[in-house]
Amino acid sequence: MSDENNHHATAAAILSLVGGAENVASVAHCMTRLRLGLRDRSLVRDEQLKALPAVMGVVEDDTCQIVLGPGTVARVTPEFEALVEAERTGAATASPAPDRGDGPVTAEALAAQGAALRAQRKARNATPFKLFLRRIANIFVPLIPALIGCGIIAGLNGLLVNLHWLPGVTPALAAVASGFMALIAVFVGHNTAKEFGGTPVLGGAIASIIVYAGVADVEVFGRHLSPGQGGVLGALGAAWLGVCVEKWCRRRVPEALDVLVTPTVTVLVAGLATLFGLMFLAGEVSTRIGDGADRLLSHGGAGAGFLLGGLFLPLVMLGLHQALIPIHTTLIEGAGFTVLLPILAMAGAGQVGAAIAVYCRLRHNTSIRTTVKSALWPGFLGVGEPLIYGVSLPLGRPFVTACTGGAFGGAFVGLFNQLGTDVGSTAIGPSGWALFPLLDGNHGPGRTVAVYAAGLVVGYVTGFLATYCFGFTKAMLTEFDTAPAPSAEDRPAPAERAAEKI
């Protein structure tokens, strides 16, 4: 049996002896140990685990630590993580849509149908390209909390500077807000290596070359490099290259030398490739992305906003929206804000308007109306999934009319971008009303907030009118605008019915 098969077999044996994938909460490794966070420690079969040929011992601490030795642990851990993911994915099953029967449609039936649609979408999205996009998203999503926190602080600091308040505090706030963005390439490199099966700290070490001030002394293609050149895209490419080199070394370097040779070769080869190729190439791509976004909205603002706002929810359904995350991050890194996110946020406004129209049209279906009322306030705050999967998508036509509301809201914001008023966000993640603290632009916070708020109103109103007028056919109203049948507990007993007749 080859070494690769041995490591796979070891990982499979360990997984079965620690209670399976559902019992594994976290996976990490150090120089010699596989460290597992377990949900139920009692499921571990210690004696059989210690008897495995590759296991040198089991240490009980805050995590279950399985001693495999240097070199071996770095090879077994990726196999173990892949097995855990495969077992969890295989266990997930889609629930079929319930049969509506002849009775009125309730919110529970719509919710079940929405869950089935979500499961079908997830299955359809499991293509190699979309899985790759999902992995890219997994690199950037953990960074969102820091982007939001630093973005809000940056907005507050900008407001204080414009008002000439607290001049002794604003430099400190600027440092707090800018520190993360100055080193974001390191975090992207760390997460990239982790996502693609490498050693996270090596990915961070390679990506840190991009932001090191000393790269200004390196000359490439007749030009000196600039610290930060290439940004997050360069960090992603550099860390991915480092993972490829590391895996190549793991397969060929003897285990006794692995701990010395593999990290050295990985950082050296990937680092030199980053300096003499990737930084220059990624820098050009980042510049083109920024210029492309500016040209898109400055020349075709209303039309571009209409398409972006109207198609964003279908992109989400297809799983293609994840390709926008590195674009947003690149724009934030270069200009300080992304002009695309406020336009895309209009899709959520269209959903809210459509949901209000559903509430008004289905006056007799108290079950669906209750669902709309409970999901509406999260929708105002940018959390659209309850409205999408609980209301508009199962109904069909209201989902399309909601996209119409998003299209007109996006066109409104895009028009102002075309007229010279940039409306941007200093972070990604929030939407709806939750985006207000993160707004930034080229004409001060007042105008930026006003344009974004007006865009939301356009989305709300258009989504409402489109859904109210075109979201339901007569047949749909006959099917859905009916009071739910009373449950068995609510029906009066035969004796009570007889008494009522008397």
Protein backbone atom coordinates (compact mmCIF):
# COMPACT_ATOMS: atom_id res chain seq x y z
CA MET A 1 0.00 0.00 0.00
CA SER A 2 1.33 3.46 -0.94
CA ASP A 3 2.00 6.13 1.69
CA GLU A 4 -1.00 8.13 0.44
CA ASN A 5 -3.31 5.14 0.88
CA ASN A 6 -1.81 4.49 4.32
CA HIS A 7 -2.60 8.04 5.43
CA HIS A 8 -6.13 7.77 4.06
CA ALA A 9 -6.67 4.47 5.86
CA THR A 10 -5.33 5.95 9.10
CA ALA A 11 -7.67 8.92 8.82
CA ALA A 12 -10.65 6.65 8.12
CA ALA A 13 -9.82 4.43 11.08
CA ILE A 14 -9.47 7.41 13.43
CA LEU A 15 -12.77 8.89 12.27
CA SER A 16 -14.68 5.69 12.98
CA LEU A 17 -13.12 5.41 16.44
CA VAL A 18 -13.93 8.97 17.56
CA GLY A 19 -17.66 8.74 16.91
CA GLY A 20 -17.91 9.69 13.24
CA ALA A 21 -18.17 13.06 11.52
CA GLU A 22 -21.18 14.19 13.55
CA ASN A 23 -19.10 13.98 16.73
CA VAL A 24 -16.26 16.14 15.32
CA ALA A 25 -16.66 19.83 16.13
CA SER A 26 -13.20 21.05 15.05
CA VAL A 27 -10.01 19.73 13.43
CA ALA A 28 -6.48 21.12 13.81
CA HIS A 29 -2.93 19.84 14.10
CA CYS A 30 0.39 20.90 15.55
CA MET A 31 3.86 19.51 14.90
CA THR A 32 3.01 15.98 16.03
CA ARG A 33 -0.66 15.77 17.11
CA LEU A 34 -4.05 15.68 15.45
CA ARG A 35 -6.24 17.84 17.73
CA LEU A 36 -9.97 17.12 17.62
CA GLY A 37 -12.74 19.07 19.29
CA LEU A 38 -15.42 16.48 20.06
CA ARG A 39 -19.05 16.93 21.00
CA ASP A 40 -19.20 13.75 23.10
CA ARG A 41 -15.88 12.45 24.46
CA SER A 42 -17.53 9.23 25.67
CA LEU A 43 -17.93 8.03 22.07
CA VAL A 44 -14.15 7.69 21.64
CA ARG A 45 -12.81 4.12 21.80
CA ASP A 46 -9.45 4.90 23.34
CA GLU A 47 -7.91 1.43 23.48
CA GLN A 48 -8.69 0.66 19.84
CA LEU A 49 -7.47 4.13 18.88
CA LYS A 50 -4.15 3.60 20.64
CA ALA A 51 -3.80 0.21 18.94
CA LEU A 52 -3.70 1.75 15.44
CA PRO A 53 -0.22 1.31 13.89
CA ALA A 54 0.20 5.02 13.07
CA VAL A 55 -0.97 6.26 16.50
CA MET A 56 1.80 6.80 19.05
CA GLY A 57 -0.55 7.84 21.84
CA VAL A 58 -3.71 9.69 22.85
CA VAL A 59 -3.56 12.74 25.12
CA GLU A 60 -6.66 13.94 26.94
CA ASP A 61 -6.83 17.74 27.26
CA ASP A 62 -9.38 20.36 26.27
CA THR A 63 -9.24 18.57 22.90
CA CYS A 64 -8.65 14.94 21.99
CA GLN A 65 -5.00 14.89 20.89
CA ILE A 66 -3.88 11.93 18.81
CA VAL A 67 -0.09 11.68 18.54
CA LEU A 68 0.95 10.75 14.99
CA GLY A 69 4.46 12.22 14.82
CA PRO A 70 6.04 14.93 12.63
CA GLY A 71 5.36 14.60 8.91
CA THR A 72 2.64 12.00 9.37
CA VAL A 73 0.22 14.36 11.10
CA ALA A 74 0.52 16.90 8.26
CA ARG A 75 -0.45 14.19 5.78
CA VAL A 76 -3.21 12.52 7.78
CA THR A 77 -5.03 15.75 8.77
CA PRO A 78 -6.13 16.76 5.22
CA GLU A 79 -7.37 13.21 4.62
CA PHE A 80 -9.28 13.31 7.92
CA GLU A 81 -10.87 16.68 7.09
CA ALA A 82 -11.91 15.42 3.64
CA LEU A 83 -13.53 12.34 5.18
CA VAL A 84 -15.42 14.42 7.74
CA GLU A 85 -16.74 16.72 5.02
CA ALA A 86 -17.69 13.80 2.77
CA GLU A 87 -19.54 12.00 5.57
CA ARG A 88 -21.47 15.14 6.53
CA THR A 89 -22.38 15.87 2.91
CA GLY A 90 -23.53 12.31 2.35
CA ALA A 91 -25.72 12.43 5.44
CA ALA A 92 -27.61 15.51 4.23
CA THR A 93 -30.80 14.53 2.42
CA ALA A 94 -33.34 16.72 0.74
CA SER A 95 -36.87 16.72 2.09
CA PRO A 96 -39.54 16.26 -0.60
CA ALA A 97 -42.14 18.92 -1.06
CA PRO A 98 -45.36 18.05 0.72
CA ASP A 99 -48.52 17.23 -1.14
CA ARG A 100 -50.87 20.15 -0.89
CA GLY A 101 -53.96 18.07 -1.34
CA ASP A 102 -57.24 19.82 -1.91
CA GLY A 103 -57.18 22.05 1.17
CA PRO A 104 -55.95 25.62 1.46
CA VAL A 105 -52.23 26.31 1.37
CA THR A 106 -50.72 27.20 4.75
CA ALA A 107 -47.47 28.90 5.70
CA GLU A 108 -46.17 25.53 6.89
CA ALA A 109 -46.72 24.04 3.43
CA LEU A 110 -44.98 27.00 1.81
CA ALA A 111 -42.08 26.73 4.25
CA ALA A 112 -41.70 23.02 3.51
CA GLN A 113 -41.81 23.74 -0.20
CA GLY A 114 -39.22 26.47 0.25
CA ALA A 115 -36.97 24.08 2.16
CA ALA A 116 -37.30 21.55 -0.64
CA LEU A 117 -36.44 24.21 -3.21
CA ARG A 118 -33.41 25.20 -1.15
CA ALA A 119 -32.25 21.57 -1.00
CA GLN A 120 -32.75 21.16 -4.75
CA ARG A 121 -30.81 24.36 -5.37
CA LYS A 122 -27.99 23.11 -3.17
CA ALA A 123 -27.86 19.85 -5.11
CA ARG A 124 -27.86 21.67 -8.46
CA ASN A 125 -25.12 24.00 -7.25
CA ALA A 126 -22.76 21.12 -6.47
CA THR A 127 -20.91 21.53 -9.78
CA PRO A 128 -17.11 21.81 -9.84
CA PHE A 129 -17.21 25.50 -10.79
CA LYS A 130 -19.76 26.42 -8.11
CA LEU A 131 -17.96 24.34 -5.51
CA PHE A 132 -14.80 26.28 -6.40
CA LEU A 133 -16.68 29.56 -5.93
CA ARG A 134 -17.92 28.28 -2.57
CA ARG A 135 -14.34 27.62 -1.52
CA ILE A 136 -13.38 31.14 -2.54
CA ALA A 137 -16.28 32.45 -0.46
CA ASN A 138 -15.09 30.37 2.51
CA ILE A 139 -11.82 32.30 2.38
CA PHE A 140 -13.44 35.72 2.65
CA VAL A 141 -16.58 35.09 4.75
CA PRO A 142 -14.63 34.69 8.05
CA LEU A 143 -13.17 38.18 7.43
CA ILE A 144 -16.59 39.88 7.31
CA PRO A 145 -16.89 40.63 11.06
CA ALA A 146 -13.57 42.48 11.03
CA LEU A 147 -14.52 44.31 7.82
CA ILE A 148 -17.80 45.42 9.39
CA GLY A 149 -16.23 46.53 12.69
CA CYS A 150 -13.38 48.43 11.04
CA GLY A 151 -15.75 49.87 8.43
CA ILE A 152 -18.07 51.33 11.05
CA ILE A 153 -15.12 52.82 12.93
CA ALA A 154 -13.79 54.29 9.68
CA GLY A 155 -17.18 55.86 8.96
CA LEU A 156 -17.37 57.32 12.47
CA ASN A 157 -13.85 58.68 12.13
CA GLY A 158 -14.65 60.27 8.77
CA LEU A 159 -17.70 61.96 10.29
CA LEU A 160 -15.60 63.36 13.16
CA VAL A 161 -12.95 64.62 10.74
CA ASN A 162 -15.54 66.36 8.54
CA LEU A 163 -17.09 68.02 11.59
CA HIS A 164 -13.66 68.93 13.03
CA TRP A 165 -14.56 67.21 16.29
CA LEU A 166 -12.11 65.46 18.65
CA PRO A 167 -8.94 66.13 16.62
CA GLY A 168 -6.87 64.41 19.27
CA VAL A 169 -8.87 61.17 18.92
CA THR A 170 -9.34 60.86 15.17
CA PRO A 171 -5.73 59.73 14.43
CA ALA A 172 -6.17 56.89 16.92
CA LEU A 173 -9.49 55.91 15.37
CA ALA A 174 -7.87 55.95 11.93
CA ALA A 175 -5.20 53.56 13.16
CA VAL A 176 -7.79 51.22 14.68
CA ALA A 177 -9.89 51.25 11.51
CA SER A 178 -6.97 50.86 9.08
CA GLY A 179 -4.84 48.24 10.84
CA PHE A 180 -6.86 45.28 9.62
CA MET A 181 -7.07 46.53 6.04
CA ALA A 182 -3.29 47.06 6.00
CA LEU A 183 -2.78 43.37 6.80
CA ILE A 184 -5.84 41.83 5.16
CA ALA A 185 -3.60 40.05 2.65
CA VAL A 186 -2.07 38.02 5.50
CA PHE A 187 -5.50 36.86 6.69
CA VAL A 188 -6.54 35.97 3.13
CA GLY A 189 -3.37 33.92 2.73
CA HIS A 190 -3.99 32.12 6.04
CA ASN A 191 -7.60 31.25 5.10
CA THR A 192 -6.63 30.22 1.55
CA ALA A 193 -4.09 27.70 2.78
CA LYS A 194 -6.60 26.36 5.31
CA GLU A 195 -9.36 26.02 2.71
CA PHE A 196 -7.20 24.22 0.14
CA GLY A 197 -5.62 21.80 2.56
CA GLY A 198 -2.30 23.44 3.37
CA THR A 199 -0.76 24.73 6.58
CA PRO A 200 -2.55 28.02 7.37
CA VAL A 201 0.43 29.80 8.91
CA LEU A 202 2.55 29.07 5.81
CA GLY A 203 -0.14 30.67 3.65
CA GLY A 204 -0.10 33.72 5.90
CA ALA A 205 3.71 33.87 5.80
CA ILE A 206 3.77 33.81 2.01
CA ALA A 207 0.99 36.41 1.71
CA SER A 208 2.76 38.70 4.18
CA ILE A 209 5.45 39.25 1.55
CA ILE A 210 2.92 41.35 -0.38
CA VAL A 211 2.50 43.92 2.43
CA TYR A 212 6.16 43.95 3.55
CA ALA A 213 7.63 47.43 3.11
CA GLY A 214 10.93 46.01 1.81
CA VAL A 215 9.37 44.85 -1.47
CA ALA A 216 9.85 48.43 -2.67
CA ASP A 217 13.53 47.49 -3.21
CA VAL A 218 12.61 44.61 -5.56
CA GLU A 219 12.61 45.42 -9.29
CA VAL A 220 10.40 43.40 -11.66
CA PHE A 221 10.03 44.04 -15.41
CA GLY A 222 12.00 47.24 -15.03
CA ARG A 223 9.74 48.63 -12.29
CA HIS A 224 9.97 48.60 -8.51
CA LEU A 225 7.21 46.82 -6.65
CA SER A 226 4.96 48.67 -4.21
CA PRO A 227 3.98 47.31 -0.78
CA GLY A 228 0.47 45.90 -1.07
CA GLN A 229 0.64 45.55 -4.84
CA GLY A 230 -1.72 42.80 -5.93
CA GLY A 231 -3.72 43.01 -2.70
CA VAL A 232 -6.07 40.22 -1.73
CA LEU A 233 -6.01 38.63 -5.18
CA GLY A 234 -2.22 38.36 -5.03
CA ALA A 235 -2.45 36.93 -1.51
CA LEU A 236 -4.99 34.35 -2.64
CA GLY A 237 -2.86 33.27 -5.58
CA ALA A 238 0.36 33.23 -3.54
CA ALA A 239 -1.13 31.12 -0.76
CA TRP A 240 -2.71 28.71 -3.24
CA LEU A 241 0.66 28.28 -4.94
CA GLY A 242 2.18 27.67 -1.52
CA VAL A 243 -0.37 24.90 -0.88
CA CYS A 244 0.57 23.25 -4.19
CA VAL A 245 4.29 23.37 -3.32
CA GLU A 246 3.63 22.10 0.20
CA LYS A 247 1.59 19.13 -1.04
CA TRP A 248 4.29 18.33 -3.59
CA CYS A 249 6.88 18.30 -0.81
CA ARG A 250 4.70 16.19 1.51
CA ARG A 251 4.55 13.45 -1.14
CA ARG A 252 8.31 13.37 -1.75
CA VAL A 253 10.22 14.51 1.33
CA PRO A 254 10.98 11.76 3.88
CA GLU A 255 8.99 12.12 7.08
CA ALA A 256 12.15 12.53 9.15
CA LEU A 257 13.07 15.67 7.18
CA ASP A 258 9.54 16.92 6.50
CA VAL A 259 9.38 19.36 9.41
CA LEU A 260 12.52 21.16 8.19
CA VAL A 261 12.43 20.86 4.41
CA THR A 262 8.75 21.31 3.54
CA PRO A 263 8.14 24.71 5.21
CA THR A 264 11.43 26.09 3.89
CA VAL A 265 10.87 25.01 0.30
CA THR A 266 7.22 26.11 0.42
CA VAL A 267 7.96 29.65 1.59
CA LEU A 268 11.02 30.03 -0.65
CA VAL A 269 9.49 28.82 -3.93
CA ALA A 270 6.07 30.41 -3.46
CA GLY A 271 7.63 33.61 -2.08
CA LEU A 272 9.93 34.10 -5.06
CA ALA A 273 7.09 33.33 -7.48
CA THR A 274 4.98 35.94 -5.66
CA LEU A 275 7.67 38.61 -5.94
CA PHE A 276 8.68 37.96 -9.54
CA GLY A 277 5.26 37.26 -11.05
CA LEU A 278 2.14 37.13 -8.94
CA MET A 279 2.37 40.60 -7.36
CA PHE A 280 2.77 42.26 -10.75
CA LEU A 281 0.02 40.17 -12.39
CA ALA A 282 -2.45 40.50 -9.51
CA GLY A 283 -1.75 44.23 -9.32
CA GLU A 284 -2.77 44.63 -12.94
CA VAL A 285 -5.95 42.56 -12.39
CA SER A 286 -6.89 44.59 -9.29
CA THR A 287 -6.42 47.84 -11.20
CA ARG A 288 -8.58 46.57 -14.05
CA ILE A 289 -11.35 45.54 -11.61
CA GLY A 290 -11.41 49.01 -10.05
CA ASP A 291 -11.36 50.75 -13.41
CA GLY A 292 -14.02 48.39 -14.75
CA ALA A 293 -16.40 49.11 -11.87
CA ASP A 294 -15.90 52.85 -12.32
CA ARG A 295 -16.53 52.69 -16.07
CA LEU A 296 -19.54 50.39 -15.64
CA LEU A 297 -21.37 52.82 -13.36
CA SER A 298 -20.10 56.09 -14.82
CA HIS A 299 -21.20 55.21 -18.38
CA GLY A 300 -24.08 52.79 -17.92
CA GLY A 301 -25.10 53.54 -14.34
CA ALA A 302 -28.90 53.18 -14.57
CA GLY A 303 -28.80 50.23 -16.97
CA ALA A 304 -26.03 48.48 -15.05
CA GLY A 305 -27.85 49.07 -11.77
CA PHE A 306 -31.09 47.68 -13.26
CA LEU A 307 -29.36 44.46 -14.32
CA LEU A 308 -27.35 44.05 -11.10
CA GLY A 309 -30.31 44.74 -8.81
CA GLY A 310 -32.69 42.57 -10.80
CA LEU A 311 -30.42 39.59 -11.34
CA PHE A 312 -28.79 39.40 -7.91
CA LEU A 313 -31.36 37.05 -6.34
CA PRO A 314 -31.23 34.63 -9.31
CA LEU A 315 -27.43 34.72 -8.98
CA VAL A 316 -27.85 33.78 -5.33
CA MET A 317 -30.14 30.90 -6.32
CA LEU A 318 -27.50 29.68 -8.79
CA GLY A 319 -24.65 30.09 -6.29
CA LEU A 320 -22.80 32.51 -8.59
CA HIS A 321 -22.97 35.49 -6.19
CA GLN A 322 -19.94 34.12 -4.36
CA ALA A 323 -17.76 35.22 -7.27
CA LEU A 324 -18.50 38.83 -6.25
CA ILE A 325 -16.93 38.54 -2.79
CA PRO A 326 -13.27 38.93 -3.88
CA ILE A 327 -14.37 41.74 -6.24
CA HIS A 328 -16.02 43.60 -3.33
CA THR A 329 -12.91 43.09 -1.19
CA THR A 330 -10.62 44.31 -3.96
CA LEU A 331 -12.70 47.47 -4.42
CA ILE A 332 -12.72 48.15 -0.67
CA GLU A 333 -8.97 47.66 -0.52
CA GLY A 334 -8.38 50.02 -3.42
CA ALA A 335 -11.00 52.76 -3.10
CA GLY A 336 -12.06 52.36 0.51
CA PHE A 337 -15.57 51.18 -0.42
CA THR A 338 -17.41 48.98 -2.92
CA VAL A 339 -19.96 50.71 -5.15
CA LEU A 340 -21.56 47.39 -6.11
CA LEU A 341 -22.97 46.34 -2.74
CA PRO A 342 -25.52 49.18 -2.26
CA ILE A 343 -26.92 48.39 -5.72
CA LEU A 344 -27.13 44.67 -5.00
CA ALA A 345 -28.81 45.46 -1.67
CA MET A 346 -31.80 46.76 -3.61
CA ALA A 347 -32.74 43.14 -4.35
CA GLY A 348 -33.67 42.79 -0.69
CA ALA A 349 -35.82 45.93 -0.91
CA GLY A 350 -37.77 44.39 -3.76
CA GLN A 351 -38.37 41.29 -1.61
CA VAL A 352 -39.75 43.41 1.23
CA GLY A 353 -42.11 45.28 -1.08
CA ALA A 354 -43.29 42.03 -2.63
CA ALA A 355 -43.90 40.49 0.81
CA ILE A 356 -46.08 43.46 1.84
CA ALA A 357 -48.09 43.01 -1.36
CA VAL A 358 -48.55 39.30 -0.60
CA TYR A 359 -49.81 40.27 2.84
CA CYS A 360 -52.35 42.66 1.31
CA ARG A 361 -53.50 40.31 -1.47
CA LEU A 362 -53.98 37.19 0.68
CA ARG A 363 -56.33 38.77 3.20
CA HIS A 364 -58.00 35.49 4.14
CA ASN A 365 -54.90 33.27 4.49
CA THR A 366 -53.96 34.07 8.07
CA SER A 367 -51.20 31.45 8.07
CA ILE A 368 -49.19 33.06 5.24
CA ARG A 369 -49.91 36.55 6.59
CA THR A 370 -48.47 35.52 9.97
CA THR A 371 -45.32 34.26 8.25
CA VAL A 372 -44.97 37.54 6.35
CA LYS A 373 -45.34 39.59 9.53
CA SER A 374 -42.68 37.57 11.35
CA ALA A 375 -40.20 37.67 8.43
CA LEU A 376 -40.76 41.28 7.42
CA TRP A 377 -38.62 43.02 10.05
CA PRO A 378 -35.59 40.78 9.41
CA GLY A 379 -36.14 41.60 5.72
CA PHE A 380 -35.92 45.34 6.46
CA LEU A 381 -32.58 44.63 8.17
CA GLY A 382 -31.26 42.77 5.14
CA VAL A 383 -31.95 39.16 6.21
CA GLY A 384 -33.96 38.00 3.21
CA GLU A 385 -33.91 34.21 3.46
CA PRO A 386 -37.16 33.90 5.50
CA LEU A 387 -39.04 35.95 2.90
CA ILE A 388 -37.42 34.22 -0.07
CA TYR A 389 -37.82 30.61 1.03
CA GLY A 390 -40.92 31.09 3.16
CA VAL A 391 -43.01 33.36 0.91
CA SER A 392 -41.94 34.59 -2.53
CA LEU A 393 -40.04 31.64 -4.03
CA PRO A 394 -42.65 28.95 -3.22
CA LEU A 395 -45.37 31.22 -4.63
CA GLY A 396 -43.43 31.67 -7.87
CA ARG A 397 -44.62 34.86 -9.54
CA PRO A 398 -43.99 37.08 -6.48
CA PHE A 399 -40.32 36.08 -6.64
CA VAL A 400 -40.12 37.45 -10.19
CA THR A 401 -41.94 40.67 -9.29
CA ALA A 402 -39.66 41.06 -6.25
CA CYS A 403 -36.68 40.95 -8.62
CA THR A 404 -38.39 43.74 -10.60
CA GLY A 405 -38.41 45.89 -7.46
CA GLY A 406 -34.71 45.19 -6.97
CA ALA A 407 -34.03 46.14 -10.60
CA PHE A 408 -35.68 49.56 -10.30
CA GLY A 409 -34.00 50.25 -6.95
CA GLY A 410 -30.63 49.32 -8.45
CA ALA A 411 -31.30 51.53 -11.46
CA PHE A 412 -32.01 54.48 -9.15
CA VAL A 413 -28.74 54.11 -7.22
CA GLY A 414 -26.82 53.38 -10.42
CA LEU A 415 -28.19 56.55 -12.01
CA PHE A 416 -26.74 58.68 -9.22
CA ASN A 417 -23.40 56.90 -9.63
CA GLN A 418 -23.55 57.84 -13.31
CA LEU A 419 -24.29 61.45 -12.35
CA GLY A 420 -21.20 61.57 -10.14
CA THR A 421 -22.48 60.63 -6.68
CA ASP A 422 -20.74 57.42 -5.63
CA VAL A 423 -22.70 55.35 -3.12
CA GLY A 424 -20.47 52.70 -1.56
CA SER A 425 -20.07 50.42 1.42
CA THR A 426 -16.91 50.10 3.48
CA ALA A 427 -17.63 46.41 4.25
CA ILE A 428 -19.53 43.43 2.87
CA GLY A 429 -22.18 41.33 4.56
CA PRO A 430 -24.96 43.65 5.83
CA SER A 431 -27.80 44.84 3.64
CA GLY A 432 -31.04 46.77 3.99
CA TRP A 433 -31.17 49.16 6.92
CA ALA A 434 -28.13 47.46 8.49
CA LEU A 435 -25.97 48.93 5.71
CA PHE A 436 -26.54 52.56 6.76
CA PRO A 437 -23.59 52.70 9.26
CA LEU A 438 -21.23 51.39 6.56
CA LEU A 439 -22.14 53.78 3.76
CA ASP A 440 -19.43 55.96 2.23
CA GLY A 441 -19.03 57.96 -0.95
CA ASN A 442 -17.38 60.92 -2.66
CA HIS A 443 -19.86 63.61 -1.55
CA GLY A 444 -20.12 63.19 2.20
CA PRO A 445 -22.35 61.00 4.35
CA GLY A 446 -25.50 63.11 4.00
CA ARG A 447 -25.93 62.75 0.25
CA THR A 448 -24.75 59.13 0.30
CA VAL A 449 -27.31 58.11 2.92
CA ALA A 450 -30.08 60.05 1.16
CA VAL A 451 -29.47 58.34 -2.21
CA TYR A 452 -29.31 54.88 -0.62
CA ALA A 453 -32.47 55.49 1.42
CA ALA A 454 -34.32 56.74 -1.65
CA GLY A 455 -33.17 53.65 -3.55
CA LEU A 456 -34.64 51.45 -0.83
CA VAL A 457 -37.96 53.30 -1.08
CA VAL A 458 -37.97 52.82 -4.88
CA GLY A 459 -37.32 49.10 -4.35
CA TYR A 460 -40.05 48.80 -1.74
CA VAL A 461 -42.66 50.65 -3.82
CA THR A 462 -41.84 48.97 -7.14
CA GLY A 463 -41.72 45.52 -5.58
CA PHE A 464 -45.09 46.17 -3.92
CA LEU A 465 -46.81 47.50 -7.04
CA ALA A 466 -45.39 44.83 -9.35
CA THR A 467 -46.48 42.06 -6.99
CA TYR A 468 -49.86 43.54 -6.17
CA CYS A 469 -50.74 44.05 -9.84
CA PHE A 470 -48.96 41.15 -11.55
CA GLY A 471 -47.89 38.73 -8.81
CA PHE A 472 -51.09 36.66 -8.69
CA THR A 473 -53.32 35.15 -11.33
CA LYS A 474 -57.00 34.49 -10.63
CA ALA A 475 -56.22 30.82 -10.21
CA MET A 476 -53.49 31.60 -7.68
CA LEU A 477 -55.82 33.83 -5.68
CA THR A 478 -58.44 31.08 -5.64
CA GLU A 479 -55.83 28.61 -4.37
CA PHE A 480 -54.00 30.77 -1.85
CA ASP A 481 -56.47 33.38 -0.62
CA THR A 482 -58.38 30.94 1.58
CA ALA A 483 -58.56 30.64 5.32
CA PRO A 484 -56.69 27.56 6.63
CA ALA A 485 -58.90 24.67 7.67
CA PRO A 486 -59.29 24.40 11.45
CA SER A 487 -57.28 21.73 13.19
CA ALA A 488 -58.90 18.77 14.91
CA GLU A 489 -58.50 20.51 18.27
CA ASP A 490 -60.31 23.61 17.02
CA ARG A 491 -63.32 21.79 15.56
CA PRO A 492 -66.35 21.65 17.86
CA ALA A 493 -67.40 18.26 19.17
CA PRO A 494 -70.61 16.68 17.75
CA ALA A 495 -72.48 17.39 20.99
CA GLU A 496 -71.42 21.02 20.86
CA ARG A 497 -72.57 21.31 17.23
CA ALA A 498 -75.93 19.79 18.17
CA ALA A 499 -76.29 22.27 21.03
CA GLU A 500 -75.47 25.13 18.66
CA LYS A 501 -78.29 24.02 16.34
CA ILE A 502 -80.77 23.86 19.25
